[in-house]
PDB file of all heavy atoms in Angstrom:
ATOM      1  N   HIS A   1      -3.910  26.313 -41.603  1.00  0.00           N
ATOM      2  CA  HIS A   1      -2.637  27.018 -41.586  1.00  0.00           C
ATOM      3  C   HIS A   1      -2.730  28.322 -40.801  1.00  0.00           C
ATOM      4  O   HIS A   1      -3.751  29.011 -40.837  1.00  0.00           O
ATOM      5  CB  HIS A   1      -2.181  27.306 -43.011  1.00  0.00           C
ATOM      6  CG  HIS A   1      -1.745  26.091 -43.763  1.00  0.00           C
ATOM      7  ND1 HIS A   1      -0.559  26.006 -44.454  1.00  0.00           N
ATOM      8  CD2 HIS A   1      -2.334  24.876 -43.927  1.00  0.00           C
ATOM      9  CE1 HIS A   1      -0.439  24.815 -45.019  1.00  0.00           C
ATOM     10  NE2 HIS A   1      -1.507  24.113 -44.708  1.00  0.00           N
ATOM     11  N   LEU A   2      -1.629  28.655 -40.156  1.00  0.00           N
ATOM     12  CA  LEU A   2      -1.505  29.906 -39.423  1.00  0.00           C
ATOM     13  C   LEU A   2      -0.711  30.905 -40.251  1.00  0.00           C
ATOM     14  O   LEU A   2       0.271  30.547 -40.911  1.00  0.00           O
ATOM     15  CB  LEU A   2      -0.775  29.685 -38.097  1.00  0.00           C
ATOM     16  CG  LEU A   2      -1.430  28.746 -37.081  1.00  0.00           C
ATOM     17  CD1 LEU A   2      -0.421  28.368 -36.012  1.00  0.00           C
ATOM     18  CD2 LEU A   2      -2.640  29.397 -36.443  1.00  0.00           C
ATOM     19  N   THR A   3      -1.120  32.167 -40.213  1.00  0.00           N
ATOM     20  CA  THR A   3      -0.316  33.249 -40.778  1.00  0.00           C
ATOM     21  C   THR A   3      -0.206  34.353 -39.732  1.00  0.00           C
ATOM     22  O   THR A   3      -1.026  34.426 -38.808  1.00  0.00           O
ATOM     23  CB  THR A   3      -0.937  33.830 -42.057  1.00  0.00           C
ATOM     24  OG1 THR A   3      -2.143  34.528 -41.722  1.00  0.00           O
ATOM     25  CG2 THR A   3      -1.242  32.742 -43.067  1.00  0.00           C
ATOM     26  N   THR A   4       0.769  35.205 -39.897  1.00  0.00           N
ATOM     27  CA  THR A   4       1.007  36.280 -38.943  1.00  0.00           C
ATOM     28  C   THR A   4       1.204  37.604 -39.686  1.00  0.00           C
ATOM     29  O   THR A   4       1.361  37.621 -40.910  1.00  0.00           O
ATOM     30  CB  THR A   4       2.269  35.997 -38.102  1.00  0.00           C
ATOM     31  OG1 THR A   4       3.427  36.094 -38.953  1.00  0.00           O
ATOM     32  CG2 THR A   4       2.218  34.617 -37.470  1.00  0.00           C
ATOM     33  N   PRO A   5       1.229  38.730 -38.963  1.00  0.00           N
ATOM     34  CA  PRO A   5       1.445  40.019 -39.628  1.00  0.00           C
ATOM     35  C   PRO A   5       2.785  40.111 -40.368  1.00  0.00           C
ATOM     36  O   PRO A   5       2.905  40.889 -41.319  1.00  0.00           O
ATOM     37  CB  PRO A   5       1.391  41.020 -38.467  1.00  0.00           C
ATOM     38  CG  PRO A   5       0.579  40.347 -37.420  1.00  0.00           C
ATOM     39  CD  PRO A   5       0.929  38.890 -37.531  1.00  0.00           C
ATOM     40  N   ASN A   6       3.768  39.343 -39.918  1.00  0.00           N
ATOM     41  CA  ASN A   6       5.093  39.450 -40.556  1.00  0.00           C
ATOM     42  C   ASN A   6       5.452  38.242 -41.419  1.00  0.00           C
ATOM     43  O   ASN A   6       6.617  38.018 -41.725  1.00  0.00           O
ATOM     44  CB  ASN A   6       6.183  39.688 -39.497  1.00  0.00           C
ATOM     45  CG  ASN A   6       6.174  38.639 -38.396  1.00  0.00           C
ATOM     46  OD1 ASN A   6       5.402  37.700 -38.432  1.00  0.00           O
ATOM     47  ND2 ASN A   6       7.049  38.833 -37.414  1.00  0.00           N
ATOM     48  N   THR A   7       4.435  37.453 -41.842  1.00  0.00           N
ATOM     49  CA  THR A   7       4.711  36.381 -42.790  1.00  0.00           C
ATOM     50  C   THR A   7       5.057  36.992 -44.148  1.00  0.00           C
ATOM     51  O   THR A   7       4.258  37.765 -44.686  1.00  0.00           O
ATOM     52  CB  THR A   7       3.486  35.457 -42.952  1.00  0.00           C
ATOM     53  OG1 THR A   7       3.124  34.913 -41.676  1.00  0.00           O
ATOM     54  CG2 THR A   7       3.791  34.313 -43.913  1.00  0.00           C
ATOM     55  N   PRO A   8       6.207  36.682 -44.733  1.00  0.00           N
ATOM     56  CA  PRO A   8       6.600  37.280 -46.016  1.00  0.00           C
ATOM     57  C   PRO A   8       5.636  36.891 -47.140  1.00  0.00           C
ATOM     58  O   PRO A   8       4.985  35.842 -47.092  1.00  0.00           O
ATOM     59  CB  PRO A   8       7.996  36.695 -46.272  1.00  0.00           C
ATOM     60  CG  PRO A   8       8.478  36.240 -44.939  1.00  0.00           C
ATOM     61  CD  PRO A   8       7.254  35.805 -44.186  1.00  0.00           C
ATOM     62  N   GLU A   9       5.545  37.746 -48.147  1.00  0.00           N
ATOM     63  CA  GLU A   9       4.622  37.524 -49.264  1.00  0.00           C
ATOM     64  C   GLU A   9       4.870  36.186 -49.953  1.00  0.00           C
ATOM     65  O   GLU A   9       3.934  35.453 -50.276  1.00  0.00           O
ATOM     66  CB  GLU A   9       4.752  38.662 -50.287  1.00  0.00           C
ATOM     67  CG  GLU A   9       4.405  40.033 -49.748  1.00  0.00           C
ATOM     68  CD  GLU A   9       2.933  40.172 -49.419  1.00  0.00           C
ATOM     69  OE1 GLU A   9       2.130  39.388 -49.972  1.00  0.00           O
ATOM     70  OE2 GLU A   9       2.586  41.053 -48.619  1.00  0.00           O
ATOM     71  N   ASP A  10       6.154  35.865 -50.209  1.00  0.00           N
ATOM     72  CA  ASP A  10       6.439  34.629 -50.926  1.00  0.00           C
ATOM     73  C   ASP A  10       6.047  33.408 -50.106  1.00  0.00           C
ATOM     74  O   ASP A  10       5.601  32.395 -50.644  1.00  0.00           O
ATOM     75  CB  ASP A  10       7.912  34.566 -51.345  1.00  0.00           C
ATOM     76  CG  ASP A  10       8.874  34.697 -50.164  1.00  0.00           C
ATOM     77  OD1 ASP A  10       8.425  35.081 -49.059  1.00  0.00           O
ATOM     78  OD2 ASP A  10      10.076  34.423 -50.342  1.00  0.00           O
ATOM     79  N   ARG A  11       6.169  33.515 -48.787  1.00  0.00           N
ATOM     80  CA  ARG A  11       5.777  32.382 -47.942  1.00  0.00           C
ATOM     81  C   ARG A  11       4.258  32.266 -47.862  1.00  0.00           C
ATOM     82  O   ARG A  11       3.723  31.153 -47.793  1.00  0.00           O
ATOM     83  CB  ARG A  11       6.385  32.529 -46.550  1.00  0.00           C
ATOM     84  CG  ARG A  11       6.119  31.307 -45.664  1.00  0.00           C
ATOM     85  CD  ARG A  11       6.985  31.297 -44.432  1.00  0.00           C
ATOM     86  NE  ARG A  11       6.726  30.109 -43.645  1.00  0.00           N
ATOM     87  CZ  ARG A  11       7.209  28.898 -43.904  1.00  0.00           C
ATOM     88  NH1 ARG A  11       7.998  28.724 -44.954  1.00  0.00           N
ATOM     89  NH2 ARG A  11       6.916  27.864 -43.134  1.00  0.00           N
ATOM     90  N   LEU A  12       3.563  33.387 -47.853  1.00  0.00           N
ATOM     91  CA  LEU A  12       2.107  33.347 -47.876  1.00  0.00           C
ATOM     92  C   LEU A  12       1.614  32.567 -49.090  1.00  0.00           C
ATOM     93  O   LEU A  12       0.762  31.688 -48.972  1.00  0.00           O
ATOM     94  CB  LEU A  12       1.526  34.767 -47.938  1.00  0.00           C
ATOM     95  CG  LEU A  12       1.292  35.522 -46.636  1.00  0.00           C
ATOM     96  CD1 LEU A  12       0.673  36.872 -46.947  1.00  0.00           C
ATOM     97  CD2 LEU A  12       0.424  34.738 -45.678  1.00  0.00           C
ATOM     98  N   GLU A  13       2.138  32.895 -50.247  1.00  0.00           N
ATOM     99  CA  GLU A  13       1.714  32.227 -51.479  1.00  0.00           C
ATOM    100  C   GLU A  13       2.033  30.742 -51.439  1.00  0.00           C
ATOM    101  O   GLU A  13       1.254  29.911 -51.895  1.00  0.00           O
ATOM    102  CB  GLU A  13       2.382  32.890 -52.682  1.00  0.00           C
ATOM    103  CG  GLU A  13       1.914  34.327 -52.912  1.00  0.00           C
ATOM    104  CD  GLU A  13       2.545  34.942 -54.142  1.00  0.00           C
ATOM    105  OE1 GLU A  13       3.177  34.200 -54.918  1.00  0.00           O
ATOM    106  OE2 GLU A  13       2.407  36.168 -54.338  1.00  0.00           O
ATOM    107  N   LEU A  14       3.195  30.408 -50.874  1.00  0.00           N
ATOM    108  CA  LEU A  14       3.609  29.008 -50.802  1.00  0.00           C
ATOM    109  C   LEU A  14       2.712  28.204 -49.885  1.00  0.00           C
ATOM    110  O   LEU A  14       2.243  27.109 -50.236  1.00  0.00           O
ATOM    111  CB  LEU A  14       5.060  28.923 -50.313  1.00  0.00           C
ATOM    112  CG  LEU A  14       5.623  27.521 -50.061  1.00  0.00           C
ATOM    113  CD1 LEU A  14       5.763  26.771 -51.382  1.00  0.00           C
ATOM    114  CD2 LEU A  14       6.966  27.611 -49.333  1.00  0.00           C
ATOM    115  N   THR A  15       2.439  28.726 -48.704  1.00  0.00           N
ATOM    116  CA  THR A  15       1.720  27.958 -47.685  1.00  0.00           C
ATOM    117  C   THR A  15       0.216  27.950 -47.897  1.00  0.00           C
ATOM    118  O   THR A  15      -0.446  26.930 -47.696  1.00  0.00           O
ATOM    119  CB  THR A  15       2.026  28.470 -46.275  1.00  0.00           C
ATOM    120  OG1 THR A  15       1.637  29.851 -46.165  1.00  0.00           O
ATOM    121  CG2 THR A  15       3.510  28.360 -45.962  1.00  0.00           C
ATOM    122  N   LEU A  16      -0.354  29.079 -48.321  1.00  0.00           N
ATOM    123  CA  LEU A  16      -1.808  29.161 -48.389  1.00  0.00           C
ATOM    124  C   LEU A  16      -2.390  28.400 -49.571  1.00  0.00           C
ATOM    125  O   LEU A  16      -3.571  28.025 -49.544  1.00  0.00           O
ATOM    126  CB  LEU A  16      -2.262  30.625 -48.417  1.00  0.00           C
ATOM    127  CG  LEU A  16      -1.919  31.446 -47.168  1.00  0.00           C
ATOM    128  CD1 LEU A  16      -2.691  32.751 -47.160  1.00  0.00           C
ATOM    129  CD2 LEU A  16      -2.168  30.667 -45.882  1.00  0.00           C
ATOM    130  N   LYS A  17      -1.589  28.137 -50.590  1.00  0.00           N
ATOM    131  CA  LYS A  17      -2.121  27.370 -51.715  1.00  0.00           C
ATOM    132  C   LYS A  17      -2.394  25.920 -51.318  1.00  0.00           C
ATOM    133  O   LYS A  17      -3.150  25.210 -51.996  1.00  0.00           O
ATOM    134  CB  LYS A  17      -1.168  27.417 -52.908  1.00  0.00           C
ATOM    135  CG  LYS A  17       0.130  26.665 -52.727  1.00  0.00           C
ATOM    136  CD  LYS A  17       0.997  26.766 -53.976  1.00  0.00           C
ATOM    137  CE  LYS A  17       2.300  25.981 -53.819  1.00  0.00           C
ATOM    138  NZ  LYS A  17       3.158  26.085 -55.020  1.00  0.00           N
ATOM    139  N   GLU A  18      -1.794  25.453 -50.214  1.00  0.00           N
ATOM    140  CA  GLU A  18      -2.015  24.092 -49.727  1.00  0.00           C
ATOM    141  C   GLU A  18      -3.009  24.039 -48.575  1.00  0.00           C
ATOM    142  O   GLU A  18      -3.282  22.974 -48.031  1.00  0.00           O
ATOM    143  CB  GLU A  18      -0.682  23.489 -49.262  1.00  0.00           C
ATOM    144  CG  GLU A  18       0.387  23.397 -50.341  1.00  0.00           C
ATOM    145  CD  GLU A  18       0.062  22.342 -51.373  1.00  0.00           C
ATOM    146  OE1 GLU A  18      -0.823  21.501 -51.109  1.00  0.00           O
ATOM    147  OE2 GLU A  18       0.674  22.359 -52.449  1.00  0.00           O
ATOM    148  N   ALA A  19      -3.545  25.195 -48.194  1.00  0.00           N
ATOM    149  CA  ALA A  19      -4.420  25.264 -47.022  1.00  0.00           C
ATOM    150  C   ALA A  19      -5.808  24.724 -47.331  1.00  0.00           C
ATOM    151  O   ALA A  19      -6.228  24.640 -48.491  1.00  0.00           O
ATOM    152  CB  ALA A  19      -4.515  26.709 -46.539  1.00  0.00           C
ATOM    153  N   SER A  20      -6.521  24.368 -46.274  1.00  0.00           N
ATOM    154  CA  SER A  20      -7.910  23.929 -46.424  1.00  0.00           C
ATOM    155  C   SER A  20      -8.693  24.322 -45.179  1.00  0.00           C
ATOM    156  O   SER A  20      -8.118  24.637 -44.139  1.00  0.00           O
ATOM    157  CB  SER A  20      -7.984  22.410 -46.631  1.00  0.00           C
ATOM    158  OG  SER A  20      -7.517  21.718 -45.485  1.00  0.00           O
ATOM    159  N   GLY A  21     -10.017  24.327 -45.310  1.00  0.00           N
ATOM    160  CA  GLY A  21     -10.864  24.685 -44.174  1.00  0.00           C
ATOM    161  C   GLY A  21     -11.005  26.181 -44.040  1.00  0.00           C
ATOM    162  O   GLY A  21     -11.960  26.789 -44.508  1.00  0.00           O
ATOM    163  N   PHE A  22     -10.049  26.795 -43.375  1.00  0.00           N
ATOM    164  CA  PHE A  22      -9.957  28.242 -43.287  1.00  0.00           C
ATOM    165  C   PHE A  22      -8.529  28.610 -42.911  1.00  0.00           C
ATOM    166  O   PHE A  22      -7.722  27.742 -42.579  1.00  0.00           O
ATOM    167  CB  PHE A  22     -10.967  28.829 -42.283  1.00  0.00           C
ATOM    168  CG  PHE A  22     -10.822  28.349 -40.860  1.00  0.00           C
ATOM    169  CD1 PHE A  22      -9.929  28.930 -39.969  1.00  0.00           C
ATOM    170  CD2 PHE A  22     -11.619  27.311 -40.380  1.00  0.00           C
ATOM    171  CE1 PHE A  22      -9.811  28.499 -38.651  1.00  0.00           C
ATOM    172  CE2 PHE A  22     -11.525  26.859 -39.065  1.00  0.00           C
ATOM    173  CZ  PHE A  22     -10.609  27.464 -38.199  1.00  0.00           C
ATOM    174  N   ILE A  23      -8.233  29.892 -42.995  1.00  0.00           N
ATOM    175  CA  ILE A  23      -6.919  30.414 -42.602  1.00  0.00           C
ATOM    176  C   ILE A  23      -7.053  31.025 -41.216  1.00  0.00           C
ATOM    177  O   ILE A  23      -7.969  31.803 -40.956  1.00  0.00           O
ATOM    178  CB  ILE A  23      -6.410  31.479 -43.591  1.00  0.00           C
ATOM    179  CG1 ILE A  23      -6.426  30.948 -45.030  1.00  0.00           C
ATOM    180  CG2 ILE A  23      -5.007  31.942 -43.192  1.00  0.00           C
ATOM    181  CD1 ILE A  23      -5.612  29.714 -45.260  1.00  0.00           C
ATOM    182  N   TYR A  24      -6.137  30.677 -40.331  1.00  0.00           N
ATOM    183  CA  TYR A  24      -6.128  31.265 -38.988  1.00  0.00           C
ATOM    184  C   TYR A  24      -5.097  32.396 -38.991  1.00  0.00           C
ATOM    185  O   TYR A  24      -3.903  32.149 -39.088  1.00  0.00           O
ATOM    186  CB  TYR A  24      -5.753  30.196 -37.961  1.00  0.00           C
ATOM    187  CG  TYR A  24      -5.950  30.620 -36.510  1.00  0.00           C
ATOM    188  CD1 TYR A  24      -6.840  29.943 -35.680  1.00  0.00           C
ATOM    189  CD2 TYR A  24      -5.221  31.670 -35.960  1.00  0.00           C
ATOM    190  CE1 TYR A  24      -7.020  30.290 -34.355  1.00  0.00           C
ATOM    191  CE2 TYR A  24      -5.390  32.050 -34.629  1.00  0.00           C
ATOM    192  CZ  TYR A  24      -6.298  31.350 -33.840  1.00  0.00           C
ATOM    193  OH  TYR A  24      -6.458  31.710 -32.533  1.00  0.00           O
ATOM    194  N   TYR A  25      -5.594  33.629 -38.883  1.00  0.00           N
ATOM    195  CA  TYR A  25      -4.705  34.788 -38.874  1.00  0.00           C
ATOM    196  C   TYR A  25      -4.371  35.176 -37.437  1.00  0.00           C
ATOM    197  O   TYR A  25      -5.237  35.616 -36.677  1.00  0.00           O
ATOM    198  CB  TYR A  25      -5.346  35.969 -39.598  1.00  0.00           C
ATOM    199  CG  TYR A  25      -4.500  37.218 -39.547  1.00  0.00           C
ATOM    200  CD1 TYR A  25      -3.212  37.233 -40.098  1.00  0.00           C
ATOM    201  CD2 TYR A  25      -4.962  38.371 -38.929  1.00  0.00           C
ATOM    202  CE1 TYR A  25      -2.423  38.362 -40.033  1.00  0.00           C
ATOM    203  CE2 TYR A  25      -4.180  39.515 -38.860  1.00  0.00           C
ATOM    204  CZ  TYR A  25      -2.908  39.502 -39.407  1.00  0.00           C
ATOM    205  OH  TYR A  25      -2.111  40.628 -39.332  1.00  0.00           O
ATOM    206  N   VAL A  26      -3.114  34.972 -37.058  1.00  0.00           N
ATOM    207  CA  VAL A  26      -2.615  35.394 -35.748  1.00  0.00           C
ATOM    208  C   VAL A  26      -2.359  36.891 -35.843  1.00  0.00           C
ATOM    209  O   VAL A  26      -1.398  37.334 -36.460  1.00  0.00           O
ATOM    210  CB  VAL A  26      -1.323  34.635 -35.387  1.00  0.00           C
ATOM    211  CG1 VAL A  26      -0.783  35.109 -34.046  1.00  0.00           C
ATOM    212  CG2 VAL A  26      -1.585  33.134 -35.353  1.00  0.00           C
ATOM    213  N   SER A  27      -3.241  37.689 -35.259  1.00  0.00           N
ATOM    214  CA  SER A  27      -3.284  39.117 -35.557  1.00  0.00           C
ATOM    215  C   SER A  27      -2.219  39.950 -34.858  1.00  0.00           C
ATOM    216  O   SER A  27      -2.091  41.147 -35.137  1.00  0.00           O
ATOM    217  CB  SER A  27      -4.663  39.671 -35.199  1.00  0.00           C
ATOM    218  OG  SER A  27      -4.920  39.532 -33.810  1.00  0.00           O
TER     219      SER A  27
END
């Protein structure tokens, strides 16, 4: 999964709980 600096908190919790491997942070 990709995340960004402006990903909202509620979306972070929703998406990252289904993630696997590692998180790709688009900085």
